[in-house]
Amino acid sequence: MTKADIVSQVAAATGIEKITVQTVVESFMETVKGSLAEGEPVYLRGFGSFIIKHRAEKAARNITRNTTITIPEHDIPAFKPAKTFVAEIKK
């Protein structure tokens, strides 16, 4: 499913114009990205949490050159689904 599909389905379900729904969806995504960029997680009860995961520094192998490289520590965005959401998917 793409963002356009989400916009179409929400517009059909609510009767709101697609352009308005698209603005809301894009604004939601920008708000989530902005919050995560500030280091603050986003909790959506019954759906899940958008969180920042910290990855420690580690050594990795470049197989083609047969060398070892160091991957620096970094943070990555992640999504952790709510238990109720997982239960619905497992049905």
PDB file of N, CA and C in Angstrom:
ATOM      1  N   MET A   1       0.843  -1.172   0.000  1.00  0.00           N
ATOM      2  CA  MET A   1       0.000   0.000   0.000  1.00  0.00           C
ATOM      3  C   MET A   1       0.891   1.239   0.000  1.00  0.00           C
ATOM      4  N   THR A   2       0.555   2.185  -0.826  1.00  0.00           N
ATOM      5  CA  THR A   2       1.321   3.422  -0.927  1.00  0.00           C
ATOM      6  C   THR A   2       0.595   4.557  -0.217  1.00  0.00           C
ATOM      7  N   LYS A   3       1.273   5.696  -0.114  1.00  0.00           N
ATOM      8  CA  LYS A   3       0.653   6.861   0.502  1.00  0.00           C
ATOM      9  C   LYS A   3      -0.588   7.281  -0.278  1.00  0.00           C
ATOM     10  N   ALA A   4      -0.543   7.186  -1.596  1.00  0.00           N
ATOM     11  CA  ALA A   4      -1.695   7.535  -2.424  1.00  0.00           C
ATOM     12  C   ALA A   4      -2.875   6.607  -2.140  1.00  0.00           C
ATOM     13  N   ASP A   5      -2.593   5.322  -1.910  1.00  0.00           N
ATOM     14  CA  ASP A   5      -3.653   4.371  -1.568  1.00  0.00           C
ATOM     15  C   ASP A   5      -4.288   4.725  -0.226  1.00  0.00           C
ATOM     16  N   ILE A   6      -3.455   5.095   0.738  1.00  0.00           N
ATOM     17  CA  ILE A   6      -3.970   5.495   2.053  1.00  0.00           C
ATOM     18  C   ILE A   6      -4.861   6.714   1.922  1.00  0.00           C
ATOM     19  N   VAL A   7      -4.396   7.708   1.167  1.00  0.00           N
ATOM     20  CA  VAL A   7      -5.177   8.924   0.966  1.00  0.00           C
ATOM     21  C   VAL A   7      -6.519   8.594   0.315  1.00  0.00           C
ATOM     22  N   SER A   8      -6.515   7.755  -0.695  1.00  0.00           N
ATOM     23  CA  SER A   8      -7.753   7.382  -1.392  1.00  0.00           C
ATOM     24  C   SER A   8      -8.723   6.668  -0.463  1.00  0.00           C
ATOM     25  N   GLN A   9      -8.231   5.729   0.331  1.00  0.00           N
ATOM     26  CA  GLN A   9      -9.114   4.972   1.222  1.00  0.00           C
ATOM     27  C   GLN A   9      -9.679   5.842   2.335  1.00  0.00           C
ATOM     28  N   VAL A  10      -8.855   6.709   2.902  1.00  0.00           N
ATOM     29  CA  VAL A  10      -9.344   7.597   3.964  1.00  0.00           C
ATOM     30  C   VAL A  10     -10.359   8.585   3.395  1.00  0.00           C
ATOM     31  N   ALA A  11     -10.096   9.107   2.210  1.00  0.00           N
ATOM     32  CA  ALA A  11     -11.034  10.040   1.576  1.00  0.00           C
ATOM     33  C   ALA A  11     -12.364   9.354   1.289  1.00  0.00           C
ATOM     34  N   ALA A  12     -12.322   8.126   0.821  1.00  0.00           N
ATOM     35  CA  ALA A  12     -13.559   7.391   0.534  1.00  0.00           C
ATOM     36  C   ALA A  12     -14.324   7.065   1.816  1.00  0.00           C
ATOM     37  N   ALA A  13     -13.599   6.720   2.875  1.00  0.00           N
ATOM     38  CA  ALA A  13     -14.249   6.339   4.132  1.00  0.00           C
ATOM     39  C   ALA A  13     -14.836   7.531   4.877  1.00  0.00           C
ATOM     40  N   THR A  14     -14.212   8.691   4.743  1.00  0.00           N
ATOM     41  CA  THR A  14     -14.660   9.856   5.508  1.00  0.00           C
ATOM     42  C   THR A  14     -15.468  10.857   4.698  1.00  0.00           C
ATOM     43  N   GLY A  15     -15.347  10.816   3.386  1.00  0.00           N
ATOM     44  CA  GLY A  15     -16.046  11.791   2.551  1.00  0.00           C
ATOM     45  C   GLY A  15     -15.314  13.121   2.454  1.00  0.00           C
ATOM     46  N   ILE A  16     -14.089  13.168   2.945  1.00  0.00           N
ATOM     47  CA  ILE A  16     -13.275  14.384   2.877  1.00  0.00           C
ATOM     48  C   ILE A  16     -12.508  14.371   1.561  1.00  0.00           C
ATOM     49  N   GLU A  17     -12.277  15.568   0.999  1.00  0.00           N
ATOM     50  CA  GLU A  17     -11.566  15.662  -0.277  1.00  0.00           C
ATOM     51  C   GLU A  17     -10.162  15.071  -0.164  1.00  0.00           C
ATOM     52  N   LYS A  18      -9.709  14.475  -1.263  1.00  0.00           N
ATOM     53  CA  LYS A  18      -8.388  13.828  -1.278  1.00  0.00           C
ATOM     54  C   LYS A  18      -7.269  14.813  -0.962  1.00  0.00           C
ATOM     55  N   ILE A  19      -7.361  16.035  -1.459  1.00  0.00           N
ATOM     56  CA  ILE A  19      -6.288  17.016  -1.249  1.00  0.00           C
ATOM     57  C   ILE A  19      -6.145  17.348   0.235  1.00  0.00           C
ATOM     58  N   THR A  20      -7.276  17.398   0.938  1.00  0.00           N
ATOM     59  CA  THR A  20      -7.254  17.676   2.373  1.00  0.00           C
ATOM     60  C   THR A  20      -6.660  16.494   3.139  1.00  0.00           C
ATOM     61  N   VAL A  21      -7.073  15.297   2.767  1.00  0.00           N
ATOM     62  CA  VAL A  21      -6.547  14.089   3.411  1.00  0.00           C
ATOM     63  C   VAL A  21      -5.046  13.975   3.159  1.00  0.00           C
ATOM     64  N   GLN A  22      -4.609  14.277   1.947  1.00  0.00           N
ATOM     65  CA  GLN A  22      -3.187  14.207   1.619  1.00  0.00           C
ATOM     66  C   GLN A  22      -2.393  15.194   2.483  1.00  0.00           C
ATOM     67  N   THR A  23      -2.921  16.378   2.679  1.00  0.00           N
ATOM     68  CA  THR A  23      -2.259  17.374   3.520  1.00  0.00           C
ATOM     69  C   THR A  23      -2.139  16.878   4.956  1.00  0.00           C
ATOM     70  N   VAL A  24      -3.201  16.256   5.466  1.00  0.00           N
ATOM     71  CA  VAL A  24      -3.187  15.733   6.830  1.00  0.00           C
ATOM     72  C   VAL A  24      -2.175  14.588   6.962  1.00  0.00           C
ATOM     73  N   VAL A  25      -2.162  13.673   6.004  1.00  0.00           N
ATOM     74  CA  VAL A  25      -1.239  12.530   6.054  1.00  0.00           C
ATOM     75  C   VAL A  25       0.207  13.019   5.995  1.00  0.00           C
ATOM     76  N   GLU A  26       0.508  13.936   5.107  1.00  0.00           N
ATOM     77  CA  GLU A  26       1.869  14.458   4.995  1.00  0.00           C
ATOM     78  C   GLU A  26       2.271  15.233   6.246  1.00  0.00           C
ATOM     79  N   SER A  27       1.325  15.985   6.811  1.00  0.00           N
ATOM     80  CA  SER A  27       1.604  16.715   8.044  1.00  0.00           C
ATOM     81  C   SER A  27       1.880  15.758   9.199  1.00  0.00           C
ATOM     82  N   PHE A  28       1.120  14.657   9.260  1.00  0.00           N
ATOM     83  CA  PHE A  28       1.349  13.643  10.288  1.00  0.00           C
ATOM     84  C   PHE A  28       2.759  13.068  10.160  1.00  0.00           C
ATOM     85  N   MET A  29       3.150  12.718   8.949  1.00  0.00           N
ATOM     86  CA  MET A  29       4.473  12.131   8.739  1.00  0.00           C
ATOM     87  C   MET A  29       5.583  13.119   9.105  1.00  0.00           C
ATOM     88  N   GLU A  30       5.422  14.388   8.754  1.00  0.00           N
ATOM     89  CA  GLU A  30       6.414  15.404   9.089  1.00  0.00           C
ATOM     90  C   GLU A  30       6.508  15.595  10.603  1.00  0.00           C
ATOM     91  N   THR A  31       5.368  15.536  11.294  1.00  0.00           N
ATOM     92  CA  THR A  31       5.355  15.680  12.742  1.00  0.00           C
ATOM     93  C   THR A  31       6.088  14.521  13.408  1.00  0.00           C
ATOM     94  N   VAL A  32       5.845  13.302  12.931  1.00  0.00           N
ATOM     95  CA  VAL A  32       6.525  12.126  13.479  1.00  0.00           C
ATOM     96  C   VAL A  32       8.023  12.239  13.230  1.00  0.00           C
ATOM     97  N   LYS A  33       8.424  12.594  12.008  1.00  0.00           N
ATOM     98  CA  LYS A  33       9.849  12.726  11.694  1.00  0.00           C
ATOM     99  C   LYS A  33      10.506  13.807  12.542  1.00  0.00           C
ATOM    100  N   GLY A  34       9.813  14.925  12.715  1.00  0.00           N
ATOM    101  CA  GLY A  34      10.356  16.018  13.519  1.00  0.00           C
ATOM    102  C   GLY A  34      10.534  15.624  14.975  1.00  0.00           C
ATOM    103  N   SER A  35       9.563  14.918  15.508  1.00  0.00           N
ATOM    104  CA  SER A  35       9.636  14.468  16.895  1.00  0.00           C
ATOM    105  C   SER A  35      10.789  13.495  17.085  1.00  0.00           C
ATOM    106  N   LEU A  36      10.950  12.551  16.161  1.00  0.00           N
ATOM    107  CA  LEU A  36      12.046  11.588  16.258  1.00  0.00           C
ATOM    108  C   LEU A  36      13.399  12.273  16.085  1.00  0.00           C
ATOM    109  N   ALA A  37      13.461  13.289  15.233  1.00  0.00           N
ATOM    110  CA  ALA A  37      14.714  14.023  15.036  1.00  0.00           C
ATOM    111  C   ALA A  37      15.136  14.734  16.316  1.00  0.00           C
ATOM    112  N   GLU A  38      14.159  15.126  17.136  1.00  0.00           N
ATOM    113  CA  GLU A  38      14.454  15.772  18.415  1.00  0.00           C
ATOM    114  C   GLU A  38      14.719  14.753  19.518  1.00  0.00           C
ATOM    115  N   GLY A  39      14.633  13.462  19.179  1.00  0.00           N
ATOM    116  CA  GLY A  39      14.892  12.408  20.146  1.00  0.00           C
ATOM    117  C   GLY A  39      13.697  12.026  20.983  1.00  0.00           C
ATOM    118  N   GLU A  40      12.513  12.463  20.581  1.00  0.00           N
ATOM    119  CA  GLU A  40      11.305  12.180  21.338  1.00  0.00           C
ATOM    120  C   GLU A  40      10.469  11.118  20.627  1.00  0.00           C
ATOM    121  N   PRO A  41      10.153  10.007  21.293  1.00  0.00           N
ATOM    122  CA  PRO A  41       9.342   8.961  20.655  1.00  0.00           C
ATOM    123  C   PRO A  41       7.890   9.394  20.489  1.00  0.00           C
ATOM    124  N   VAL A  42       7.188   8.725  19.582  1.00  0.00           N
ATOM    125  CA  VAL A  42       5.777   9.006  19.324  1.00  0.00           C
ATOM    126  C   VAL A  42       4.987   7.753  19.674  1.00  0.00           C
ATOM    127  N   TYR A  43       4.026   7.891  20.601  1.00  0.00           N
ATOM    128  CA  TYR A  43       3.218   6.767  21.052  1.00  0.00           C
ATOM    129  C   TYR A  43       1.798   6.912  20.522  1.00  0.00           C
ATOM    130  N   LEU A  44       1.324   5.917  19.778  1.00  0.00           N
ATOM    131  CA  LEU A  44      -0.046   5.895  19.281  1.00  0.00           C
ATOM    132  C   LEU A  44      -0.740   4.693  19.909  1.00  0.00           C
ATOM    133  N   ARG A  45      -1.507   4.946  20.947  1.00  0.00           N
ATOM    134  CA  ARG A  45      -2.149   3.878  21.717  1.00  0.00           C
ATOM    135  C   ARG A  45      -2.993   2.991  20.816  1.00  0.00           C
ATOM    136  N   GLY A  46      -2.794   1.683  20.918  1.00  0.00           N
ATOM    137  CA  GLY A  46      -3.536   0.715  20.125  1.00  0.00           C
ATOM    138  C   GLY A  46      -2.929   0.468  18.749  1.00  0.00           C
ATOM    139  N   PHE A  47      -1.942   1.265  18.361  1.00  0.00           N
ATOM    140  CA  PHE A  47      -1.299   1.104  17.053  1.00  0.00           C
ATOM    141  C   PHE A  47       0.167   0.728  17.212  1.00  0.00           C
ATOM    142  N   GLY A  48       0.929   1.576  17.910  1.00  0.00           N
ATOM    143  CA  GLY A  48       2.330   1.286  18.118  1.00  0.00           C
ATOM    144  C   GLY A  48       3.124   2.528  18.461  1.00  0.00           C
ATOM    145  N   SER A  49       4.432   2.366  18.514  1.00  0.00           N
ATOM    146  CA  SER A  49       5.324   3.463  18.880  1.00  0.00           C
ATOM    147  C   SER A  49       6.415   3.632  17.831  1.00  0.00           C
ATOM    148  N   PHE A  50       6.678   4.874  17.492  1.00  0.00           N
ATOM    149  CA  PHE A  50       7.824   5.213  16.658  1.00  0.00           C
ATOM    150  C   PHE A  50       8.914   5.622  17.630  1.00  0.00           C
ATOM    151  N   ILE A  51      10.031   4.897  17.614  1.00  0.00           N
ATOM    152  CA  ILE A  51      11.086   5.123  18.582  1.00  0.00           C
ATOM    153  C   ILE A  51      12.432   5.256  17.882  1.00  0.00           C
ATOM    154  N   ILE A  52      13.426   5.697  18.642  1.00  0.00           N
ATOM    155  CA  ILE A  52      14.801   5.777  18.156  1.00  0.00           C
ATOM    156  C   ILE A  52      15.580   4.640  18.808  1.00  0.00           C
ATOM    157  N   LYS A  53      16.240   3.825  18.004  1.00  0.00           N
ATOM    158  CA  LYS A  53      17.088   2.752  18.526  1.00  0.00           C
ATOM    159  C   LYS A  53      18.543   3.159  18.337  1.00  0.00           C
ATOM    160  N   HIS A  54      19.329   2.919  19.372  1.00  0.00           N
ATOM    161  CA  HIS A  54      20.757   3.245  19.327  1.00  0.00           C
ATOM    162  C   HIS A  54      21.541   1.996  18.925  1.00  0.00           C
ATOM    163  N   ARG A  55      22.392   2.131  17.958  1.00  0.00           N
ATOM    164  CA  ARG A  55      23.260   1.042  17.525  1.00  0.00           C
ATOM    165  C   ARG A  55      24.689   1.361  17.970  1.00  0.00           C
ATOM    166  N   ALA A  56      25.300   0.439  18.660  1.00  0.00           N
ATOM    167  CA  ALA A  56      26.666   0.624  19.139  1.00  0.00           C
ATOM    168  C   ALA A  56      27.667   0.481  17.991  1.00  0.00           C
ATOM    169  N   GLU A  57      28.863   0.972  18.223  1.00  0.00           N
ATOM    170  CA  GLU A  57      29.935   0.821  17.232  1.00  0.00           C
ATOM    171  C   GLU A  57      30.263  -0.661  17.091  1.00  0.00           C
ATOM    172  N   LYS A  58      30.539  -1.089  15.858  1.00  0.00           N
ATOM    173  CA  LYS A  58      30.870  -2.499  15.658  1.00  0.00           C
ATOM    174  C   LYS A  58      31.831  -2.658  14.490  1.00  0.00           C
ATOM    175  N   ALA A  59      32.492  -3.789  14.478  1.00  0.00           N
ATOM    176  CA  ALA A  59      33.407  -4.117  13.390  1.00  0.00           C
ATOM    177  C   ALA A  59      32.657  -4.970  12.372  1.00  0.00           C
ATOM    178  N   ALA A  60      32.901  -4.711  11.106  1.00  0.00           N
ATOM    179  CA  ALA A  60      32.258  -5.473  10.037  1.00  0.00           C
ATOM    180  C   ALA A  60      33.304  -5.850   9.003  1.00  0.00           C
ATOM    181  N   ARG A  61      32.977  -6.812   8.172  1.00  0.00           N
ATOM    182  CA  ARG A  61      33.916  -7.291   7.161  1.00  0.00           C
ATOM    183  C   ARG A  61      33.442  -6.874   5.776  1.00  0.00           C
ATOM    184  N   ASN A  62      34.378  -6.394   4.973  1.00  0.00           N
ATOM    185  CA  ASN A  62      34.142  -6.171   3.558  1.00  0.00           C
ATOM    186  C   ASN A  62      34.686  -7.413   2.858  1.00  0.00           C
ATOM    187  N   ILE A  63      33.800  -8.284   2.456  1.00  0.00           N
ATOM    188  CA  ILE A  63      34.205  -9.587   1.921  1.00  0.00           C
ATOM    189  C   ILE A  63      34.959  -9.457   0.603  1.00  0.00           C
ATOM    190  N   THR A  64      34.560  -8.535  -0.267  1.00  0.00           N
ATOM    191  CA  THR A  64      35.211  -8.417  -1.572  1.00  0.00           C
ATOM    192  C   THR A  64      36.666  -7.957  -1.449  1.00  0.00           C
ATOM    193  N   ARG A  65      36.942  -7.069  -0.488  1.00  0.00           N
ATOM    194  CA  ARG A  65      38.314  -6.569  -0.320  1.00  0.00           C
ATOM    195  C   ARG A  65      39.054  -7.297   0.803  1.00  0.00           C
ATOM    196  N   ASN A  66      38.340  -8.144   1.539  1.00  0.00           N
ATOM    197  CA  ASN A  66      38.902  -8.896   2.650  1.00  0.00           C
ATOM    198  C   ASN A  66      39.523  -7.961   3.696  1.00  0.00           C
ATOM    199  N   THR A  67      38.749  -6.930   4.056  1.00  0.00           N
ATOM    200  CA  THR A  67      39.205  -5.974   5.061  1.00  0.00           C
ATOM    201  C   THR A  67      38.157  -5.842   6.155  1.00  0.00           C
ATOM    202  N   THR A  68      38.587  -5.307   7.268  1.00  0.00           N
ATOM    203  CA  THR A  68      37.679  -5.033   8.379  1.00  0.00           C
ATOM    204  C   THR A  68      37.438  -3.533   8.439  1.00  0.00           C
ATOM    205  N   ILE A  69      36.180  -3.161   8.589  1.00  0.00           N
ATOM    206  CA  ILE A  69      35.835  -1.742   8.711  1.00  0.00           C
ATOM    207  C   ILE A  69      35.088  -1.544  10.028  1.00  0.00           C
ATOM    208  N   THR A  70      35.108  -0.329  10.518  1.00  0.00           N
ATOM    209  CA  THR A  70      34.397  -0.003  11.747  1.00  0.00           C
ATOM    210  C   THR A  70      33.165   0.821  11.391  1.00  0.00           C
ATOM    211  N   ILE A  71      32.020   0.340  11.841  1.00  0.00           N
ATOM    212  CA  ILE A  71      30.777   1.072  11.650  1.00  0.00           C
ATOM    213  C   ILE A  71      30.549   1.882  12.920  1.00  0.00           C
ATOM    214  N   PRO A  72      30.502   3.215  12.810  1.00  0.00           N
ATOM    215  CA  PRO A  72      30.360   4.039  14.019  1.00  0.00           C
ATOM    216  C   PRO A  72      28.977   3.863  14.666  1.00  0.00           C
ATOM    217  N   GLU A  73      28.893   4.241  15.934  1.00  0.00           N
ATOM    218  CA  GLU A  73      27.591   4.168  16.603  1.00  0.00           C
ATOM    219  C   GLU A  73      26.641   5.168  15.953  1.00  0.00           C
ATOM    220  N   HIS A  74      25.362   4.812  15.926  1.00  0.00           N
ATOM    221  CA  HIS A  74      24.380   5.676  15.287  1.00  0.00           C
ATOM    222  C   HIS A  74      22.980   5.346  15.807  1.00  0.00           C
ATOM    223  N   ASP A  75      22.059   6.245  15.544  1.00  0.00           N
ATOM    224  CA  ASP A  75      20.665   6.046  15.921  1.00  0.00           C
ATOM    225  C   ASP A  75      19.846   5.819  14.660  1.00  0.00           C
ATOM    226  N   ILE A  76      18.825   4.935  14.776  1.00  0.00           N
ATOM    227  CA  ILE A  76      17.949   4.679  13.649  1.00  0.00           C
ATOM    228  C   ILE A  76      16.496   4.724  14.124  1.00  0.00           C
ATOM    229  N   PRO A  77      15.582   5.179  13.255  1.00  0.00           N
ATOM    230  CA  PRO A  77      14.175   5.150  13.626  1.00  0.00           C
ATOM    231  C   PRO A  77      13.644   3.722  13.534  1.00  0.00           C
ATOM    232  N   ALA A  78      12.694   3.396  14.391  1.00  0.00           N
ATOM    233  CA  ALA A  78      12.095   2.064  14.393  1.00  0.00           C
ATOM    234  C   ALA A  78      10.624   2.173  14.781  1.00  0.00           C
ATOM    235  N   PHE A  79       9.869   1.152  14.428  1.00  0.00           N
ATOM    236  CA  PHE A  79       8.455   1.087  14.795  1.00  0.00           C
ATOM    237  C   PHE A  79       8.231  -0.171  15.610  1.00  0.00           C
ATOM    238  N   LYS A  80       7.582  -0.011  16.752  1.00  0.00           N
ATOM    239  CA  LYS A  80       7.248  -1.154  17.598  1.00  0.00           C
ATOM    240  C   LYS A  80       5.718  -1.220  17.682  1.00  0.00           C
ATOM    241  N   PRO A  81       5.103  -2.249  17.083  1.00  0.00           N
ATOM    242  CA  PRO A  81       3.644  -2.332  17.090  1.00  0.00           C
ATOM    243  C   PRO A  81       3.096  -2.630  18.491  1.00  0.00           C
ATOM    244  N   ALA A  82       1.877  -2.157  18.744  1.00  0.00           N
ATOM    245  CA  ALA A  82       1.200  -2.424  20.017  1.00  0.00           C
ATOM    246  C   ALA A  82       0.772  -3.888  20.070  1.00  0.00           C
ATOM    247  N   LYS A  83       0.597  -4.399  21.275  1.00  0.00           N
ATOM    248  CA  LYS A  83       0.205  -5.798  21.442  1.00  0.00           C
ATOM    249  C   LYS A  83      -1.129  -6.086  20.760  1.00  0.00           C
ATOM    250  N   THR A  84      -2.078  -5.155  20.837  1.00  0.00           N
ATOM    251  CA  THR A  84      -3.382  -5.374  20.203  1.00  0.00           C
ATOM    252  C   THR A  84      -3.259  -5.411  18.685  1.00  0.00           C
ATOM    253  N   PHE A  85      -2.356  -4.601  18.158  1.00  0.00           N
ATOM    254  CA  PHE A  85      -2.109  -4.581  16.708  1.00  0.00           C
ATOM    255  C   PHE A  85      -1.512  -5.897  16.248  1.00  0.00           C
ATOM    256  N   VAL A  86      -0.549  -6.408  17.010  1.00  0.00           N
ATOM    257  CA  VAL A  86       0.085  -7.685  16.684  1.00  0.00           C
ATOM    258  C   VAL A  86      -0.943  -8.815  16.762  1.00  0.00           C
ATOM    259  N   ALA A  87      -1.810  -8.756  17.765  1.00  0.00           N
ATOM    260  CA  ALA A  87      -2.825  -9.791  17.935  1.00  0.00           C
ATOM    261  C   ALA A  87      -3.793  -9.825  16.739  1.00  0.00           C
ATOM    262  N   GLU A  88      -4.147  -8.656  16.214  1.00  0.00           N
ATOM    263  CA  GLU A  88      -5.046  -8.599  15.048  1.00  0.00           C
ATOM    264  C   GLU A  88      -4.390  -9.192  13.802  1.00  0.00           C
ATOM    265  N   ILE A  89      -3.095  -8.965  13.638  1.00  0.00           N
ATOM    266  CA  ILE A  89      -2.372  -9.458  12.467  1.00  0.00           C
ATOM    267  C   ILE A  89      -2.195 -10.966  12.533  1.00  0.00           C
ATOM    268  N   LYS A  90      -2.007 -11.502  13.737  1.00  0.00           N
ATOM    269  CA  LYS A  90      -1.760 -12.938  13.903  1.00  0.00           C
ATOM    270  C   LYS A  90      -2.988 -13.794  13.654  1.00  0.00           C
ATOM    271  N   LYS A  91      -4.168 -13.217  13.560  1.00  0.00           N
ATOM    272  CA  LYS A  91      -5.399 -13.989  13.384  1.00  0.00           C
ATOM    273  C   LYS A  91      -5.359 -14.854  12.154  1.00  0.00           C
TER     274      LYS A  91
END
